[in-house]
Structures are given as structure tokens and as C-alpha cells.
């Protein structure tokens, strides 16, 4: 049993290292144009990856969107389907980290946060990929 525990610890630390390296590489490229906005910042601390996404919010109400968290989560997951984003999500999942996606309105200055626990992210990503 001690060997299994050691292997789990080793794998976890390797996964966390990959995540830290991936997040740092992405952070150096910020701002990154993405969809109808840009990723302004990304960081990893306390087992959480935080992505700050600034979007043109003219014609949309971020407060109203925040009142529909399941829809917001589905939209975030759809936006994470490209090859690079999938890799980052895989690093997050492998490191058993949580994911916070902070949307900031460029015009209004309003902000809303969409959060995924590591378990929820695994479950939703698995379901999304099964449907592809």
C-alpha cells in the first residue's frame, strides 16, 4: 500500500508541475484573443486555476447571465474545445485543481465568476467529449 500511495503522490506532483508550467506559458502570452474577447490573465494558486476573460458586453447583461450558472458553465465549456484549451483543461483535471473563469465586461466593468470544482469539471468534460 505504501508503494501505491507513493505513486499517487508522485503522479499528483508531476501533474501539478505540468499545470504550473502550462499556466505560466499561457500567462506570458496574455492578453490572448479568444472568441469575442480576450484572456487577460491566467494564474494558478491554492489548487485553483483562475482565468480572467474580458469581453465586449454591449448588448448583454452579465448580472442576468450570472443568474443562469448552468448556461454560463455550458458556454465556458464550449469555448474550451480548441486543441490548446483542451490541453490546459487536461492539465487542470490531472492536477485535480478547480477552475474559475472570471468574465469582465469591457464596457460595463461588471464581473461574474463561473467556477468548476475538479470533480464537476471532470464529469462535464467527460460528458462533452463523449458527445463529440
N, C-alpha and C. Protein backbone atom coordinates (compact mmCIF):
# COMPACT_ATOMS: atom_id res chain seq x y z
N UNK A 1 0.81 -1.19 0.00
CA UNK A 1 0.00 0.00 0.00
C UNK A 1 0.86 1.26 0.00
N UNK A 2 1.98 1.25 0.68
CA UNK A 2 2.85 2.42 0.72
C UNK A 2 3.36 2.76 -0.67
N UNK A 3 3.61 1.76 -1.50
CA UNK A 3 4.09 1.98 -2.86
C UNK A 3 3.01 2.68 -3.68
N UNK A 4 1.77 2.24 -3.53
CA UNK A 4 0.66 2.86 -4.27
C UNK A 4 0.51 4.31 -3.84
N UNK A 5 0.58 4.57 -2.55
CA UNK A 5 0.50 5.94 -2.04
C UNK A 5 1.62 6.81 -2.60
N UNK A 6 2.82 6.25 -2.66
CA UNK A 6 3.96 7.00 -3.20
C UNK A 6 3.77 7.30 -4.68
N UNK A 7 3.25 6.33 -5.43
CA UNK A 7 3.00 6.54 -6.86
C UNK A 7 1.93 7.60 -7.08
N UNK A 8 0.88 7.58 -6.27
CA UNK A 8 -0.17 8.60 -6.39
C UNK A 8 0.40 9.98 -6.09
N UNK A 9 1.22 10.07 -5.06
CA UNK A 9 1.85 11.34 -4.71
C UNK A 9 2.75 11.83 -5.84
N UNK A 10 3.54 10.92 -6.40
CA UNK A 10 4.44 11.28 -7.50
C UNK A 10 3.64 11.75 -8.71
N UNK A 11 2.59 11.01 -9.08
CA UNK A 11 1.78 11.40 -10.23
C UNK A 11 1.14 12.77 -9.98
N UNK A 12 0.62 12.97 -8.78
CA UNK A 12 -0.02 14.25 -8.45
C UNK A 12 0.96 15.40 -8.57
N UNK A 13 2.17 15.22 -8.07
CA UNK A 13 3.15 16.31 -8.13
C UNK A 13 3.58 16.56 -9.57
N UNK A 14 3.68 15.50 -10.40
CA UNK A 14 4.01 15.68 -11.81
C UNK A 14 2.89 16.43 -12.52
N UNK A 15 1.65 16.06 -12.24
CA UNK A 15 0.51 16.72 -12.87
C UNK A 15 0.45 18.18 -12.46
N UNK A 16 0.72 18.46 -11.21
CA UNK A 16 0.71 19.85 -10.74
C UNK A 16 1.83 20.65 -11.40
N UNK A 17 2.99 20.04 -11.57
CA UNK A 17 4.11 20.71 -12.23
C UNK A 17 3.75 21.04 -13.68
N UNK A 18 3.14 20.08 -14.38
CA UNK A 18 2.71 20.33 -15.76
C UNK A 18 1.72 21.48 -15.81
N UNK A 19 0.80 21.51 -14.87
CA UNK A 19 -0.20 22.57 -14.82
C UNK A 19 0.48 23.92 -14.58
N UNK A 20 1.39 23.98 -13.63
CA UNK A 20 2.10 25.23 -13.35
C UNK A 20 2.84 25.72 -14.57
N UNK A 21 3.52 24.83 -15.27
CA UNK A 21 4.28 25.20 -16.48
C UNK A 21 3.33 25.67 -17.57
N UNK A 22 2.22 24.94 -17.77
CA UNK A 22 1.24 25.33 -18.79
C UNK A 22 0.62 26.68 -18.51
N UNK A 23 0.24 26.91 -17.26
CA UNK A 23 -0.37 28.20 -16.88
C UNK A 23 0.65 29.32 -17.05
N UNK A 24 1.89 29.10 -16.65
CA UNK A 24 2.91 30.14 -16.79
C UNK A 24 3.16 30.47 -18.26
N UNK A 25 3.19 29.45 -19.11
CA UNK A 25 3.37 29.68 -20.55
C UNK A 25 2.21 30.50 -21.12
N UNK A 26 1.00 30.17 -20.71
CA UNK A 26 -0.18 30.91 -21.18
C UNK A 26 -0.16 32.34 -20.65
N UNK A 27 0.21 32.50 -19.40
CA UNK A 27 0.24 33.83 -18.77
C UNK A 27 1.18 34.77 -19.53
N UNK A 28 2.30 34.23 -19.99
CA UNK A 28 3.28 35.06 -20.72
C UNK A 28 2.72 35.54 -22.05
N UNK A 29 1.71 34.84 -22.59
CA UNK A 29 1.13 35.22 -23.88
C UNK A 29 -0.05 36.17 -23.73
N UNK A 30 -0.49 36.41 -22.50
CA UNK A 30 -1.65 37.28 -22.26
C UNK A 30 -1.32 38.72 -22.63
N UNK A 31 -2.27 39.46 -23.18
CA UNK A 31 -3.64 39.03 -23.49
C UNK A 31 -3.66 38.15 -24.74
N UNK A 32 -4.58 37.19 -24.72
CA UNK A 32 -4.74 36.24 -25.82
C UNK A 32 -6.14 36.45 -26.41
N UNK A 33 -6.21 36.80 -27.68
CA UNK A 33 -7.51 36.92 -28.34
C UNK A 33 -8.19 35.57 -28.33
N UNK A 34 -9.46 35.57 -27.93
CA UNK A 34 -10.18 34.31 -27.82
C UNK A 34 -11.66 34.58 -27.99
N UNK A 35 -12.22 34.10 -29.07
CA UNK A 35 -13.64 34.31 -29.31
C UNK A 35 -13.96 35.78 -29.45
N UNK A 36 -14.94 36.24 -28.70
CA UNK A 36 -15.38 37.64 -28.77
C UNK A 36 -14.71 38.51 -27.72
N UNK A 37 -13.62 38.04 -27.19
CA UNK A 37 -12.90 38.80 -26.17
C UNK A 37 -11.45 38.39 -26.12
N UNK A 38 -10.90 38.48 -24.92
CA UNK A 38 -9.51 38.08 -24.75
C UNK A 38 -9.27 37.58 -23.33
N UNK A 39 -8.36 36.62 -23.25
CA UNK A 39 -7.92 36.16 -21.94
C UNK A 39 -6.89 37.17 -21.46
N UNK A 40 -7.25 37.90 -20.43
CA UNK A 40 -6.40 38.98 -19.92
C UNK A 40 -5.36 38.46 -18.94
N UNK A 41 -5.69 37.38 -18.24
CA UNK A 41 -4.77 36.85 -17.23
C UNK A 41 -5.14 35.41 -16.92
N UNK A 42 -4.17 34.66 -16.49
CA UNK A 42 -4.37 33.29 -16.03
C UNK A 42 -3.34 33.03 -14.94
N UNK A 43 -3.79 32.42 -13.85
CA UNK A 43 -2.84 32.06 -12.80
C UNK A 43 -3.29 30.79 -12.10
N UNK A 44 -2.37 30.26 -11.32
CA UNK A 44 -2.63 29.02 -10.58
C UNK A 44 -2.11 29.22 -9.17
N UNK A 45 -3.03 29.11 -8.21
CA UNK A 45 -2.62 29.18 -6.81
C UNK A 45 -3.68 28.50 -5.95
N UNK A 46 -3.23 27.90 -4.88
CA UNK A 46 -4.12 27.22 -3.93
C UNK A 46 -5.04 26.21 -4.62
N UNK A 47 -4.47 25.41 -5.54
CA UNK A 47 -5.21 24.37 -6.27
C UNK A 47 -6.36 24.92 -7.10
N UNK A 48 -6.25 26.16 -7.55
CA UNK A 48 -7.25 26.77 -8.41
C UNK A 48 -6.58 27.46 -9.59
N UNK A 49 -7.14 27.22 -10.77
CA UNK A 49 -6.71 27.96 -11.96
C UNK A 49 -7.75 29.06 -12.16
N UNK A 50 -7.27 30.27 -12.27
CA UNK A 50 -8.13 31.44 -12.46
C UNK A 50 -7.85 32.05 -13.82
N UNK A 51 -8.88 32.11 -14.65
CA UNK A 51 -8.77 32.70 -15.98
C UNK A 51 -9.64 33.94 -16.00
N UNK A 52 -9.04 35.06 -16.38
CA UNK A 52 -9.78 36.32 -16.49
C UNK A 52 -10.02 36.59 -17.97
N UNK A 53 -11.30 36.64 -18.33
CA UNK A 53 -11.72 36.82 -19.72
C UNK A 53 -12.45 38.15 -19.84
N UNK A 54 -11.94 39.05 -20.65
CA UNK A 54 -12.56 40.36 -20.86
C UNK A 54 -13.28 40.32 -22.20
N UNK A 55 -14.58 40.66 -22.16
CA UNK A 55 -15.37 40.60 -23.38
C UNK A 55 -16.15 41.88 -23.60
N UNK A 56 -16.51 42.11 -24.87
CA UNK A 56 -17.35 43.23 -25.21
C UNK A 56 -18.76 42.89 -24.74
N UNK A 57 -19.22 43.57 -23.73
CA UNK A 57 -20.52 43.23 -23.13
C UNK A 57 -21.65 44.16 -23.58
N UNK A 58 -21.42 44.93 -24.63
CA UNK A 58 -22.52 45.76 -25.16
C UNK A 58 -23.62 44.82 -25.62
N UNK A 59 -24.84 45.09 -25.20
CA UNK A 59 -25.98 44.28 -25.59
C UNK A 59 -26.17 43.04 -24.74
N UNK A 60 -25.38 42.89 -23.68
CA UNK A 60 -25.58 41.75 -22.79
C UNK A 60 -25.49 42.23 -21.35
N UNK A 61 -26.15 41.52 -20.47
CA UNK A 61 -26.17 41.86 -19.06
C UNK A 61 -25.48 40.74 -18.29
N UNK A 62 -24.28 41.00 -17.79
CA UNK A 62 -23.53 39.98 -17.07
C UNK A 62 -24.23 39.55 -15.78
N UNK A 63 -24.97 40.47 -15.16
CA UNK A 63 -25.72 40.09 -13.95
C UNK A 63 -26.80 39.06 -14.29
N UNK A 64 -27.47 39.29 -15.40
CA UNK A 64 -28.51 38.35 -15.84
C UNK A 64 -27.88 37.00 -16.21
N UNK A 65 -26.75 37.05 -16.88
CA UNK A 65 -26.06 35.81 -17.24
C UNK A 65 -25.63 35.05 -15.99
N UNK A 66 -25.17 35.76 -14.98
CA UNK A 66 -24.73 35.13 -13.73
C UNK A 66 -25.87 34.43 -13.02
N UNK A 67 -27.10 34.88 -13.27
CA UNK A 67 -28.27 34.27 -12.65
C UNK A 67 -28.61 32.92 -13.29
N UNK A 68 -27.92 32.58 -14.38
CA UNK A 68 -28.12 31.30 -15.06
C UNK A 68 -26.79 30.55 -15.11
N UNK A 69 -26.30 30.07 -13.96
CA UNK A 69 -24.96 29.48 -13.91
C UNK A 69 -24.78 28.24 -14.79
N UNK A 70 -25.80 27.41 -14.93
CA UNK A 70 -25.65 26.22 -15.77
C UNK A 70 -25.43 26.59 -17.23
N UNK A 71 -26.16 27.59 -17.70
CA UNK A 71 -25.96 28.06 -19.08
C UNK A 71 -24.57 28.65 -19.25
N UNK A 72 -24.14 29.42 -18.27
CA UNK A 72 -22.80 30.02 -18.33
C UNK A 72 -21.72 28.94 -18.35
N UNK A 73 -21.89 27.92 -17.53
CA UNK A 73 -20.91 26.83 -17.50
C UNK A 73 -20.86 26.10 -18.84
N UNK A 74 -22.02 25.89 -19.43
CA UNK A 74 -22.06 25.23 -20.75
C UNK A 74 -21.35 26.08 -21.79
N UNK A 75 -21.56 27.40 -21.75
CA UNK A 75 -20.89 28.30 -22.71
C UNK A 75 -19.38 28.28 -22.51
N UNK A 76 -18.93 28.27 -21.26
CA UNK A 76 -17.49 28.22 -20.99
C UNK A 76 -16.90 26.93 -21.54
N UNK A 77 -17.57 25.81 -21.28
CA UNK A 77 -17.06 24.53 -21.77
C UNK A 77 -17.00 24.48 -23.29
N UNK A 78 -17.98 25.05 -23.96
CA UNK A 78 -17.95 25.11 -25.43
C UNK A 78 -16.75 25.91 -25.91
N UNK A 79 -16.41 26.94 -25.16
CA UNK A 79 -15.27 27.77 -25.52
C UNK A 79 -13.92 27.12 -25.25
N UNK A 80 -13.93 26.01 -24.56
CA UNK A 80 -12.68 25.33 -24.22
C UNK A 80 -12.45 24.09 -25.07
N UNK A 81 -12.95 24.11 -26.30
CA UNK A 81 -12.86 22.92 -27.15
C UNK A 81 -11.69 22.93 -28.12
N UNK A 82 -11.01 24.06 -28.28
CA UNK A 82 -9.90 24.02 -29.24
C UNK A 82 -8.72 23.23 -28.66
N UNK A 83 -7.80 22.88 -29.51
CA UNK A 83 -6.69 21.99 -29.15
C UNK A 83 -5.89 22.51 -27.94
N UNK A 84 -5.55 23.79 -27.94
CA UNK A 84 -4.74 24.36 -26.86
C UNK A 84 -5.53 24.37 -25.56
N UNK A 85 -6.78 24.81 -25.63
CA UNK A 85 -7.61 24.89 -24.43
C UNK A 85 -7.84 23.50 -23.84
N UNK A 86 -8.04 22.50 -24.71
CA UNK A 86 -8.23 21.12 -24.23
C UNK A 86 -7.01 20.67 -23.43
N UNK A 87 -5.83 21.03 -23.87
CA UNK A 87 -4.60 20.64 -23.18
C UNK A 87 -4.56 21.25 -21.78
N UNK A 88 -4.89 22.54 -21.70
CA UNK A 88 -4.90 23.21 -20.39
C UNK A 88 -5.93 22.55 -19.48
N UNK A 89 -7.13 22.27 -20.02
CA UNK A 89 -8.17 21.62 -19.22
C UNK A 89 -7.69 20.25 -18.75
N UNK A 90 -7.01 19.51 -19.61
CA UNK A 90 -6.47 18.21 -19.21
C UNK A 90 -5.47 18.35 -18.06
N UNK A 91 -4.63 19.39 -18.13
CA UNK A 91 -3.68 19.64 -17.03
C UNK A 91 -4.42 19.94 -15.74
N UNK A 92 -5.49 20.74 -15.83
CA UNK A 92 -6.29 21.10 -14.65
C UNK A 92 -6.89 19.83 -14.04
N UNK A 93 -7.47 18.99 -14.90
CA UNK A 93 -8.08 17.75 -14.43
C UNK A 93 -7.04 16.83 -13.81
N UNK A 94 -5.91 16.64 -14.49
CA UNK A 94 -4.86 15.74 -13.98
C UNK A 94 -4.31 16.20 -12.62
N UNK A 95 -4.26 17.52 -12.43
CA UNK A 95 -3.75 18.06 -11.16
C UNK A 95 -4.83 18.13 -10.09
N UNK A 96 -6.04 17.71 -10.44
CA UNK A 96 -7.16 17.72 -9.50
C UNK A 96 -7.41 19.13 -8.95
N UNK A 97 -7.31 20.12 -9.86
CA UNK A 97 -7.48 21.51 -9.47
C UNK A 97 -8.89 21.99 -9.83
N UNK A 98 -9.31 23.08 -9.22
CA UNK A 98 -10.57 23.72 -9.56
C UNK A 98 -10.30 24.76 -10.65
N UNK A 99 -11.34 25.14 -11.36
CA UNK A 99 -11.22 26.13 -12.44
C UNK A 99 -12.21 27.25 -12.21
N UNK A 100 -11.70 28.47 -12.19
CA UNK A 100 -12.53 29.67 -12.07
C UNK A 100 -12.36 30.50 -13.33
N UNK A 101 -13.47 30.84 -13.94
CA UNK A 101 -13.48 31.62 -15.16
C UNK A 101 -14.17 32.93 -14.84
N UNK A 102 -13.41 34.02 -14.79
CA UNK A 102 -13.94 35.33 -14.42
C UNK A 102 -14.19 36.13 -15.70
N UNK A 103 -15.45 36.44 -15.96
CA UNK A 103 -15.82 37.25 -17.13
C UNK A 103 -15.94 38.70 -16.70
N UNK A 104 -15.22 39.58 -17.38
CA UNK A 104 -15.30 41.01 -17.10
C UNK A 104 -15.82 41.72 -18.34
N UNK A 105 -16.80 42.58 -18.13
CA UNK A 105 -17.34 43.37 -19.23
C UNK A 105 -16.44 44.56 -19.52
N UNK A 106 -16.00 44.66 -20.76
CA UNK A 106 -15.11 45.77 -21.15
C UNK A 106 -15.84 47.10 -21.03
N UNK A 107 -17.12 47.15 -21.38
CA UNK A 107 -17.88 48.39 -21.36
C UNK A 107 -18.43 48.71 -19.98
N UNK A 108 -19.08 47.73 -19.35
CA UNK A 108 -19.76 47.96 -18.08
C UNK A 108 -18.83 47.89 -16.87
N UNK A 109 -17.75 47.13 -17.00
CA UNK A 109 -16.87 46.92 -15.86
C UNK A 109 -17.41 45.85 -14.90
N UNK A 110 -18.59 45.31 -15.22
CA UNK A 110 -19.17 44.26 -14.38
C UNK A 110 -18.37 42.98 -14.52
N UNK A 111 -18.52 42.14 -13.52
CA UNK A 111 -17.74 40.90 -13.48
C UNK A 111 -18.61 39.78 -12.93
N UNK A 112 -18.44 38.60 -13.49
CA UNK A 112 -19.11 37.41 -12.95
C UNK A 112 -18.12 36.26 -12.99
N UNK A 113 -18.27 35.37 -12.04
CA UNK A 113 -17.33 34.26 -11.89
C UNK A 113 -18.07 32.94 -12.09
N UNK A 114 -17.52 32.11 -12.96
CA UNK A 114 -18.05 30.77 -13.20
C UNK A 114 -17.02 29.80 -12.65
N UNK A 115 -17.43 28.99 -11.69
CA UNK A 115 -16.49 28.09 -11.01
C UNK A 115 -16.85 26.64 -11.23
N UNK A 116 -15.81 25.84 -11.43
CA UNK A 116 -15.95 24.39 -11.54
C UNK A 116 -15.06 23.74 -10.49
N UNK A 117 -15.62 22.86 -9.68
CA UNK A 117 -14.76 22.06 -8.81
C UNK A 117 -14.05 21.06 -9.71
N UNK A 118 -13.00 20.46 -9.22
CA UNK A 118 -12.27 19.48 -10.04
C UNK A 118 -13.18 18.32 -10.43
N UNK A 119 -14.01 17.87 -9.51
CA UNK A 119 -14.92 16.75 -9.82
C UNK A 119 -15.96 17.13 -10.85
N UNK A 120 -16.53 18.31 -10.71
CA UNK A 120 -17.53 18.77 -11.68
C UNK A 120 -16.90 18.92 -13.06
N UNK A 121 -15.70 19.48 -13.10
CA UNK A 121 -15.00 19.66 -14.38
C UNK A 121 -14.75 18.32 -15.05
N UNK A 122 -14.27 17.35 -14.28
CA UNK A 122 -14.04 16.01 -14.84
C UNK A 122 -15.33 15.43 -15.41
N UNK A 123 -16.39 15.52 -14.65
CA UNK A 123 -17.68 14.95 -15.07
C UNK A 123 -18.20 15.63 -16.34
N UNK A 124 -18.16 16.96 -16.36
CA UNK A 124 -18.69 17.70 -17.51
C UNK A 124 -17.82 17.52 -18.76
N UNK A 125 -16.51 17.53 -18.58
CA UNK A 125 -15.62 17.35 -19.73
C UNK A 125 -15.78 15.96 -20.30
N UNK A 126 -15.87 14.97 -19.44
CA UNK A 126 -16.07 13.59 -19.90
C UNK A 126 -17.36 13.50 -20.72
N UNK A 127 -18.44 14.09 -20.21
CA UNK A 127 -19.73 14.06 -20.90
C UNK A 127 -19.65 14.78 -22.24
N UNK A 128 -18.98 15.95 -22.27
CA UNK A 128 -18.82 16.71 -23.52
C UNK A 128 -18.05 15.90 -24.55
N UNK A 129 -16.97 15.29 -24.12
CA UNK A 129 -16.12 14.54 -25.07
C UNK A 129 -16.79 13.28 -25.57
N UNK A 130 -17.66 12.71 -24.77
CA UNK A 130 -18.40 11.53 -25.20
C UNK A 130 -19.38 11.88 -26.32
N UNK A 131 -19.83 13.13 -26.34
CA UNK A 131 -20.81 13.56 -27.34
C UNK A 131 -20.15 14.01 -28.64
N UNK A 132 -18.83 14.19 -28.63
CA UNK A 132 -18.11 14.66 -29.84
C UNK A 132 -18.03 13.58 -30.88
